[in-house]
Amino acid sequence: MTVAETDDFGPSTQSVHAGRNRRQPHHALTTPLVQTATYTFDDTADLIDFMRSKVWGDGVHREEYGRYGNPTVRAVETRLAALEGADEALLFASGMAAVTATLLSILPTGSHIILTDDCYRRTRQFALTFLKRLGIESTLVPMGDYQAMETAIQSNTRMIVSESPTNPYLRVLDLPRLVEIAKAHRVRTLVDATFATPVNVRPLKYGVDLVVHSATKYLGGHNDLLAGVVAGRNGLVSALRESQGVMGGVIDSQAAWLLERGLKTVGLRVARQNENALALARFLDDHPRVRRTWYPGLDSHPDHDVATEQMKGYGGVVSFEIDGTLEDTSRFIDALRIPTIAPSLGGVESLVEQPALMSYFDLTTEERAAIGISDTLVRYAVGIEDTPDLLEDLGQALTVL
C-alpha cells in the first residue's frame, strides 16, 4: 500500500512519502528506477489480461510501452498530485511541453484564449504564433486588470492562461477572483505556478482547473534535469494523458527519478529561499543605488495584500532596477561573487541575470522598454546559501556603482 495522501499531512511530509509503496521491489527504500522502453508479457493469456484491465493481479497499474507510462514516472506523478491537492498529475519532458501539449489538446480550432501580459514569454509566443496558425486567437490583458480580463471574454473563449507569481515582476493572481470570472462565463483556467511551488500556494484549492510547473526549477531543485507537470482533476488530466501518448512529449525515467529525489527536500529548500529572498528584497528596497524593487513580500509591491492572503511564502526570486545605465548594471552583476550568471531559477545555487542581455538581447532598448523590460533590470534567483553571505555580497557589489 502507498503512504496516505491527504491534506492531513504537510507539504514536506507529502513530498517525501506521497505515492511511495511501503514495499518496494527488493525491499528498496527509494523508488526504483525502471529503465526500460518496453514491457513484456508471459504469454498470450497474459497479454489479453493486460488489454482488458491494464493492471497487475494486485491492482497495481501495469505498463505496455514507454510512451504510455513508466512505474518510476507514475510514482512521481502520484507524489506531485498529492502536493498540489490534485486528482492526477502528468509529467512531461519540459515545462513548455506541459504548456503546449495542454493547450493543443484542449483548444479546438476557432476558439479563443486570454493571457495575462506578464506570463512567461515563451507561453505568450506559442499562443500568439503557433496557436494562431491553427485558427486559435489570443488576447493579452494587463496583469491585475480583472475588468479587462472579463471584458475580453468572447463567445468562443475557452481558457484563461496566467502565471503566479509572474516573471520577472512577481505579480500575483487574485485566484478567487480569477475563478469567479471564469466560472461565470464557463471558461477553464490554467495557472503556471512555477515560481510559487505547491509549498507556497496551491491554485487548485481555489478552483483553478489546471496548474502547471516547470519542474526543472524548484521541484527538481538542483539544475540537473528538464521536466514539466500539469495537475488537476481526473477527467482533464486523463484526457491529456491520452494525448501525450500520441504527441510523445514524455519524460525519461532517469529525469523522473532525479525529480523525485529533488522533491524530498522541496519544503526545506523553498522555506530557506523564501527567507533569503525576503531579506534581500528588504535590503535592496532601502538601498540608494536601487531605483525599484519588485517582491511580493514588500508593502510597495502592487500585489502584496493578495500575496499575503494566498501565499505561505513570497518565493525565491527578487527583481530590481539599478539606478544607472545598462553598463552600470552589468558591472554590478560582474561584481557579485556568489550568484552565477544563468537563465534559470529554483535551484540550490543563487543565479542572476540581466534580462536585457539574456532573454531580450535581440531587442533594442526602445523595443524592450515597450514590453516593460528596462536595460537596468536584474532578476536574482535566490538559492539556499547563508543569508548574511548573500547580503554582504550584494552590498559589496553595489559599491562599484
Protein backbone atom coordinates (compact mmCIF):
# COMPACT_ATOMS: atom_id res chain seq x y z
CA MET A 1 0.00 0.00 0.00
CA THR A 2 1.05 3.59 -0.54
CA VAL A 3 1.53 6.19 2.16
CA ALA A 4 -1.71 8.12 2.72
CA GLU A 5 -2.09 11.18 0.50
CA THR A 6 -4.37 13.53 2.37
CA ASP A 7 -4.40 17.15 3.41
CA ASP A 8 -3.74 15.92 6.96
CA PHE A 9 -0.06 15.85 6.04
CA GLY A 10 2.03 18.94 5.37
CA PRO A 11 3.90 19.53 2.11
CA SER A 12 7.25 18.30 3.40
CA THR A 13 5.72 15.02 4.61
CA GLN A 14 3.90 14.57 1.32
CA SER A 15 6.98 15.46 -0.73
CA VAL A 16 8.88 12.62 0.99
CA HIS A 17 6.18 9.96 1.25
CA ALA A 18 3.22 10.50 -1.09
CA GLY A 19 2.86 7.85 -3.75
CA ARG A 20 5.58 5.65 -2.28
CA ASN A 21 4.80 1.97 -1.83
CA ARG A 22 5.71 0.67 1.60
CA ARG A 23 7.02 -2.48 -0.03
CA GLN A 24 9.29 -1.78 -2.97
CA PRO A 25 10.90 -4.40 -5.23
CA HIS A 26 13.89 -5.97 -3.48
CA HIS A 27 12.82 -4.12 -0.29
CA ALA A 28 14.46 -0.94 -1.57
CA LEU A 29 13.77 2.23 0.43
CA THR A 30 13.78 4.58 -2.56
CA THR A 31 11.56 4.28 -5.61
CA PRO A 32 13.33 2.00 -8.10
CA LEU A 33 14.49 3.47 -11.39
CA VAL A 34 12.78 1.38 -14.08
CA GLN A 35 14.96 2.00 -17.12
CA THR A 36 13.12 0.35 -19.99
CA ALA A 37 11.39 1.41 -23.19
CA THR A 38 9.11 -1.60 -23.46
CA TYR A 39 7.44 -4.20 -21.25
CA THR A 40 6.99 -7.95 -21.66
CA PHE A 41 4.18 -10.49 -21.34
CA ASP A 42 4.43 -14.07 -20.12
CA ASP A 43 2.15 -15.48 -22.81
CA THR A 44 -0.89 -14.60 -24.94
CA ALA A 45 -3.26 -15.04 -21.99
CA ASP A 46 -1.17 -12.55 -20.00
CA LEU A 47 -1.37 -10.08 -22.90
CA ILE A 48 -5.16 -10.46 -23.10
CA ASP A 49 -5.48 -9.91 -19.34
CA PHE A 50 -3.46 -6.71 -19.69
CA MET A 51 -5.56 -5.43 -22.58
CA ARG A 52 -8.70 -5.97 -20.53
CA SER A 53 -7.56 -4.47 -17.23
CA LYS A 54 -4.24 -2.59 -17.64
CA VAL A 55 -3.31 -3.70 -14.10
CA TRP A 56 -1.38 -6.48 -12.41
CA GLY A 57 -3.16 -9.06 -10.31
CA ASP A 58 -2.59 -6.98 -7.17
CA GLY A 59 -4.27 -3.95 -8.75
CA VAL A 60 -1.07 -2.04 -9.47
CA HIS A 61 -1.13 -0.17 -12.79
CA ARG A 62 0.73 -2.03 -15.48
CA GLU A 63 2.57 -0.58 -18.49
CA GLU A 64 2.88 -1.68 -22.10
CA TYR A 65 5.28 0.73 -23.79
CA GLY A 66 7.44 3.60 -22.55
CA ARG A 67 5.47 6.32 -24.31
CA TYR A 68 2.34 5.30 -22.40
CA GLY A 69 3.84 5.07 -18.94
CA ASN A 70 6.62 4.03 -16.60
CA PRO A 71 6.46 2.85 -12.96
CA THR A 72 9.03 5.41 -11.81
CA VAL A 73 7.21 8.19 -13.61
CA ARG A 74 3.84 7.09 -12.20
CA ALA A 75 5.19 7.17 -8.65
CA VAL A 76 6.46 10.73 -9.08
CA GLU A 77 3.17 11.81 -10.67
CA THR A 78 1.29 10.46 -7.66
CA ARG A 79 3.52 12.43 -5.33
CA LEU A 80 3.09 15.62 -7.33
CA ALA A 81 -0.69 15.18 -7.38
CA ALA A 82 -0.67 14.88 -3.59
CA LEU A 83 1.45 18.02 -3.24
CA GLU A 84 -0.94 20.00 -5.44
CA GLY A 85 -4.11 18.55 -3.92
CA ALA A 86 -4.97 17.23 -7.40
CA ASP A 87 -6.74 14.07 -8.52
CA GLU A 88 -4.00 13.37 -11.01
CA ALA A 89 -0.71 14.77 -12.31
CA LEU A 90 1.04 14.17 -15.62
CA LEU A 91 4.77 14.58 -16.23
CA PHE A 92 6.27 15.92 -19.46
CA ALA A 93 9.76 16.28 -20.89
CA SER A 94 9.83 20.01 -20.01
CA GLY A 95 7.68 22.79 -18.63
CA MET A 96 7.00 24.13 -22.12
CA ALA A 97 5.99 20.64 -23.27
CA ALA A 98 3.43 20.60 -20.45
CA VAL A 99 2.05 24.01 -21.50
CA THR A 100 1.98 23.41 -25.25
CA ALA A 101 0.56 19.88 -25.03
CA THR A 102 -2.19 21.08 -22.70
CA LEU A 103 -3.23 23.94 -24.95
CA LEU A 104 -3.05 21.85 -28.12
CA SER A 105 -5.10 19.07 -26.53
CA ILE A 106 -7.86 21.23 -25.08
CA LEU A 107 -8.35 24.09 -27.54
CA PRO A 108 -10.37 23.45 -30.72
CA THR A 109 -9.82 25.31 -33.97
CA GLY A 110 -11.75 28.58 -33.95
CA SER A 111 -11.50 29.05 -30.21
CA HIS A 112 -10.07 31.97 -28.25
CA ILE A 113 -7.89 32.25 -25.14
CA ILE A 114 -6.94 35.08 -22.81
CA LEU A 115 -3.44 35.51 -21.40
CA THR A 116 -2.16 38.00 -18.86
CA ASP A 117 0.62 40.09 -20.35
CA ASP A 118 3.25 39.28 -17.71
CA CYS A 119 3.10 35.48 -18.06
CA TYR A 120 6.10 33.56 -19.40
CA ARG A 121 7.26 35.00 -22.72
CA ARG A 122 7.52 31.59 -24.44
CA THR A 123 3.93 30.80 -23.46
CA ARG A 124 2.86 34.10 -25.00
CA GLN A 125 4.94 33.39 -28.08
CA PHE A 126 3.35 29.96 -28.51
CA ALA A 127 -0.14 31.40 -28.20
CA LEU A 128 0.42 34.37 -30.47
CA THR A 129 2.26 32.48 -33.23
CA PHE A 130 1.77 28.69 -33.21
CA LEU A 131 -1.82 28.65 -31.98
CA LYS A 132 -2.74 31.41 -34.40
CA ARG A 133 -1.66 29.17 -37.29
CA LEU A 134 -4.24 26.65 -36.07
CA GLY A 135 -7.02 29.21 -36.06
CA ILE A 136 -6.90 29.84 -32.30
CA GLU A 137 -6.89 33.52 -31.38
CA SER A 138 -5.33 35.06 -28.26
CA THR A 139 -5.93 38.27 -26.34
CA LEU A 140 -3.39 39.75 -23.91
CA VAL A 141 -4.78 41.66 -20.92
CA PRO A 142 -2.84 43.65 -18.33
CA MET A 143 -1.91 41.60 -15.29
CA GLY A 144 -4.09 42.65 -12.37
CA ASP A 145 -6.81 44.24 -14.50
CA TYR A 146 -9.70 41.85 -13.86
CA GLN A 147 -12.21 44.11 -15.55
CA ALA A 148 -10.16 43.92 -18.75
CA MET A 149 -9.96 40.15 -18.32
CA GLU A 150 -13.72 39.79 -18.09
CA THR A 151 -14.35 42.24 -20.92
CA ALA A 152 -12.01 40.22 -23.18
CA ILE A 153 -14.13 37.08 -22.87
CA GLN A 154 -15.87 36.18 -26.13
CA SER A 155 -18.45 33.56 -27.03
CA ASN A 156 -15.64 31.26 -28.24
CA THR A 157 -13.27 31.84 -25.30
CA ARG A 158 -12.22 28.50 -23.84
CA MET A 159 -9.44 29.29 -21.40
CA ILE A 160 -7.71 31.97 -19.32
CA VAL A 161 -3.96 31.40 -19.00
CA SER A 162 -1.83 33.15 -16.42
CA GLU A 163 1.12 32.77 -14.07
CA SER A 164 1.53 33.47 -10.37
CA PRO A 165 3.94 34.89 -9.39
CA THR A 166 4.90 36.14 -12.84
CA ASN A 167 8.30 36.51 -14.43
CA PRO A 168 10.03 38.91 -13.93
CA TYR A 169 7.85 41.31 -11.89
CA LEU A 170 6.39 38.75 -9.46
CA ARG A 171 2.78 39.82 -10.00
CA VAL A 172 0.38 37.63 -8.02
CA LEU A 173 -3.02 36.49 -9.26
CA ASP A 174 -6.10 37.03 -7.17
CA LEU A 175 -7.05 33.38 -7.59
CA PRO A 176 -10.61 33.56 -6.17
CA ARG A 177 -11.38 36.50 -8.46
CA LEU A 178 -9.92 34.72 -11.48
CA VAL A 179 -12.02 31.63 -10.77
CA GLU A 180 -15.16 33.71 -10.18
CA ILE A 181 -14.80 35.36 -13.59
CA ALA A 182 -14.01 32.10 -15.36
CA LYS A 183 -16.88 30.15 -13.83
CA ALA A 184 -19.37 32.90 -14.56
CA HIS A 185 -18.52 32.53 -18.25
CA ARG A 186 -17.84 28.76 -18.23
CA VAL A 187 -14.20 29.24 -19.16
CA ARG A 188 -11.38 26.99 -17.98
CA THR A 189 -8.33 28.28 -16.14
CA LEU A 190 -4.66 27.32 -16.41
CA VAL A 191 -2.15 28.78 -13.94
CA ASP A 192 1.62 28.41 -14.19
CA ALA A 193 2.72 28.24 -10.54
CA THR A 194 6.40 27.50 -11.16
CA PHE A 195 7.60 30.49 -9.12
CA ALA A 196 5.30 29.66 -6.20
CA THR A 197 5.61 25.86 -5.93
CA PRO A 198 2.89 23.95 -4.06
CA VAL A 199 4.78 24.81 -0.86
CA ASN A 200 3.73 28.46 -1.18
CA VAL A 201 0.35 28.19 -2.94
CA ARG A 202 -1.99 25.55 -4.34
CA PRO A 203 -4.12 27.17 -7.07
CA LEU A 204 -6.38 24.11 -7.39
CA LYS A 205 -7.83 24.63 -3.93
CA TYR A 206 -9.23 27.97 -5.13
CA GLY A 207 -11.00 26.27 -8.03
CA VAL A 208 -8.40 26.67 -10.80
CA ASP A 209 -8.83 23.85 -13.33
CA LEU A 210 -5.20 23.08 -14.16
CA VAL A 211 -1.87 24.04 -12.62
CA VAL A 212 1.39 23.67 -14.49
CA HIS A 213 5.04 23.80 -13.40
CA SER A 214 8.40 23.81 -15.00
CA ALA A 215 9.64 21.06 -12.68
CA THR A 216 13.13 21.93 -13.90
CA LYS A 217 13.07 24.75 -11.37
CA TYR A 218 12.10 24.44 -7.68
CA LEU A 219 10.58 20.96 -7.82
CA GLY A 220 13.80 19.42 -9.14
CA GLY A 221 15.85 21.98 -7.28
CA HIS A 222 19.35 21.13 -8.48
CA ASN A 223 19.58 22.39 -12.08
CA ASP A 224 20.26 18.88 -13.35
CA LEU A 225 17.04 17.87 -15.13
CA LEU A 226 14.33 19.06 -17.51
CA ALA A 227 10.72 18.27 -16.64
CA GLY A 228 7.22 19.71 -16.62
CA VAL A 229 4.00 18.74 -14.89
CA VAL A 230 0.31 19.55 -15.21
CA ALA A 231 -2.10 18.67 -12.41
CA GLY A 232 -5.85 18.84 -11.98
CA ARG A 233 -8.99 16.75 -11.77
CA ASN A 234 -9.21 13.26 -13.24
CA GLY A 235 -11.20 13.95 -16.38
CA LEU A 236 -9.00 16.74 -17.69
CA VAL A 237 -5.65 15.14 -16.89
CA SER A 238 -6.72 11.72 -18.12
CA ALA A 239 -7.58 13.27 -21.48
CA LEU A 240 -4.16 14.93 -21.55
CA ARG A 241 -2.54 11.57 -20.81
CA GLU A 242 -4.24 10.08 -23.85
CA SER A 243 -3.00 12.97 -25.98
CA GLN A 244 0.53 12.60 -24.62
CA GLY A 245 0.60 9.02 -25.87
CA VAL A 246 0.01 10.40 -29.36
CA MET A 247 2.22 13.51 -29.26
CA GLY A 248 5.01 11.79 -27.36
CA GLY A 249 6.39 14.52 -25.07
CA VAL A 250 7.10 12.05 -22.28
CA ILE A 251 9.69 12.41 -19.55
CA ASP A 252 12.60 10.00 -19.33
CA SER A 253 12.53 7.71 -16.30
CA GLN A 254 16.01 8.90 -15.21
CA ALA A 255 14.80 12.51 -15.12
CA ALA A 256 11.70 11.45 -13.18
CA TRP A 257 13.89 9.59 -10.67
CA LEU A 258 16.04 12.69 -10.19
CA LEU A 259 12.89 14.78 -9.83
CA GLU A 260 11.63 12.53 -7.03
CA ARG A 261 14.95 12.91 -5.24
CA GLY A 262 14.63 16.69 -5.51
CA LEU A 263 11.02 16.66 -4.31
CA LYS A 264 12.03 15.15 -0.99
CA THR A 265 13.67 18.43 0.07
CA VAL A 266 11.43 20.95 -1.72
CA GLY A 267 9.76 22.07 1.51
CA LEU A 268 13.10 22.77 3.21
CA ARG A 269 14.62 24.45 0.18
CA VAL A 270 11.67 26.71 -0.60
CA ALA A 271 11.36 27.79 3.04
CA ARG A 272 15.03 28.85 3.01
CA GLN A 273 14.66 30.57 -0.36
CA ASN A 274 11.59 32.44 0.91
CA GLU A 275 13.63 33.73 3.86
CA ASN A 276 16.66 34.66 1.76
CA ALA A 277 14.63 36.44 -0.90
CA LEU A 278 12.67 38.50 1.64
CA ALA A 279 15.91 39.58 3.35
CA LEU A 280 17.48 40.59 0.03
CA ALA A 281 14.33 42.41 -1.09
CA ARG A 282 14.23 44.47 2.10
CA PHE A 283 17.93 45.30 1.76
CA LEU A 284 17.55 46.34 -1.88
CA ASP A 285 14.39 48.34 -1.21
CA ASP A 286 16.32 50.63 1.14
CA HIS A 287 19.49 50.96 -0.94
CA PRO A 288 20.18 54.34 -2.62
CA ARG A 289 21.60 52.74 -5.79
CA VAL A 290 18.47 50.69 -6.41
CA ARG A 291 15.68 52.51 -8.26
CA ARG A 292 12.92 49.99 -7.53
CA THR A 293 12.48 46.50 -6.12
CA TRP A 294 9.75 44.02 -7.06
CA TYR A 295 8.97 41.36 -4.47
CA PRO A 296 5.51 40.34 -3.23
CA GLY A 297 6.72 40.41 0.36
CA LEU A 298 7.26 44.19 0.22
CA ASP A 299 4.47 46.62 1.05
CA SER A 300 5.40 48.53 -2.12
CA HIS A 301 4.54 45.62 -4.41
CA PRO A 302 1.16 46.09 -6.14
CA ASP A 303 0.01 42.59 -5.15
CA HIS A 304 1.37 42.48 -1.61
CA ASP A 305 -2.06 42.15 0.01
CA VAL A 306 -3.14 39.37 -2.37
CA ALA A 307 0.13 37.51 -1.87
CA THR A 308 -0.12 37.80 1.91
CA GLU A 309 -3.65 36.41 1.80
CA GLN A 310 -2.90 33.49 -0.52
CA MET A 311 0.74 32.51 -0.12
CA LYS A 312 2.63 30.81 2.70
CA GLY A 313 5.85 32.39 1.45
CA TYR A 314 6.64 35.01 -1.17
CA GLY A 315 9.04 32.97 -3.30
CA GLY A 316 12.73 32.88 -4.11
CA VAL A 317 13.04 35.47 -6.91
CA VAL A 318 13.70 39.19 -6.46
CA SER A 319 13.69 41.63 -9.39
CA PHE A 320 15.08 45.15 -9.14
CA GLU A 321 16.30 48.08 -11.21
CA ILE A 322 19.74 49.57 -10.71
CA ASP A 323 19.88 53.37 -10.60
CA GLY A 324 22.24 53.72 -13.56
CA THR A 325 22.79 52.53 -17.11
CA LEU A 326 22.89 49.17 -18.87
CA GLU A 327 26.68 49.19 -18.45
CA ASP A 328 26.40 50.05 -14.74
CA THR A 329 24.05 47.13 -14.26
CA SER A 330 26.47 44.77 -15.99
CA ARG A 331 29.32 45.97 -13.77
CA PHE A 332 27.20 45.32 -10.69
CA ILE A 333 26.37 41.79 -11.84
CA ASP A 334 30.01 41.05 -12.65
CA ALA A 335 30.99 42.22 -9.16
CA LEU A 336 28.75 39.67 -7.44
CA ARG A 337 30.78 36.77 -6.01
CA ILE A 338 28.09 34.24 -5.05
CA PRO A 339 25.42 34.05 -7.77
CA THR A 340 26.27 32.73 -11.22
CA ILE A 341 25.01 34.38 -14.42
CA ALA A 342 22.44 31.92 -15.79
CA PRO A 343 18.90 31.97 -17.23
CA SER A 344 17.13 29.64 -14.81
CA LEU A 345 15.97 29.64 -11.19
CA GLY A 346 14.79 27.46 -8.34
CA GLY A 347 17.99 25.50 -7.66
CA VAL A 348 20.11 25.44 -4.54
CA GLU A 349 22.56 27.86 -6.16
CA SER A 350 21.78 31.56 -6.49
CA LEU A 351 21.57 32.70 -10.11
CA VAL A 352 21.41 36.20 -11.54
CA GLU A 353 20.62 37.67 -14.94
CA GLN A 354 20.21 41.00 -16.68
CA PRO A 355 17.14 40.30 -18.87
CA ALA A 356 18.15 42.94 -21.42
CA LEU A 357 21.27 40.89 -22.18
CA MET A 358 19.79 37.43 -21.64
CA SER A 359 16.18 36.86 -22.60
CA TYR A 360 15.76 40.06 -24.67
CA PHE A 361 19.22 40.52 -26.19
CA ASP A 362 17.88 40.73 -29.75
CA LEU A 363 15.66 43.71 -28.99
CA THR A 364 16.69 47.35 -28.91
CA THR A 365 16.42 49.44 -25.76
CA GLU A 366 13.24 51.02 -27.13
CA GLU A 367 11.72 47.66 -28.05
CA ARG A 368 12.49 46.28 -24.60
CA ALA A 369 11.00 49.33 -22.94
CA ALA A 370 7.82 48.86 -24.94
CA ILE A 371 7.27 45.48 -23.30
CA GLY A 372 8.30 46.67 -19.84
CA ILE A 373 11.90 45.44 -19.72
CA SER A 374 14.43 48.13 -18.82
CA ASP A 375 18.14 47.92 -19.51
CA THR A 376 18.86 48.12 -15.78
CA LEU A 377 16.54 45.33 -14.66
CA VAL A 378 18.09 42.50 -12.65
CA ARG A 379 16.47 39.18 -11.78
CA TYR A 380 18.06 37.48 -8.78
CA ALA A 381 17.01 33.87 -8.21
CA VAL A 382 17.99 33.17 -4.62
CA GLY A 383 19.48 29.85 -3.55
CA ILE A 384 19.90 28.28 -0.13
CA GLU A 385 23.17 29.97 0.81
CA ASP A 386 23.57 31.66 4.20
CA THR A 387 21.60 34.91 4.32
CA PRO A 388 24.43 37.07 5.78
CA ASP A 389 26.75 35.97 2.98
CA LEU A 390 24.23 36.89 0.30
CA LEU A 391 23.58 40.29 1.88
CA GLU A 392 27.29 41.07 2.26
CA ASP A 393 27.93 40.07 -1.35
CA LEU A 394 25.05 42.20 -2.60
CA GLY A 395 26.31 45.17 -0.61
CA GLN A 396 29.87 44.98 -1.87
CA ALA A 397 28.71 44.63 -5.49
CA LEU A 398 26.59 47.77 -5.21
CA THR A 399 29.67 49.77 -4.16
CA VAL A 400 31.03 49.55 -7.71
CA LEU A 401 28.28 51.87 -8.91
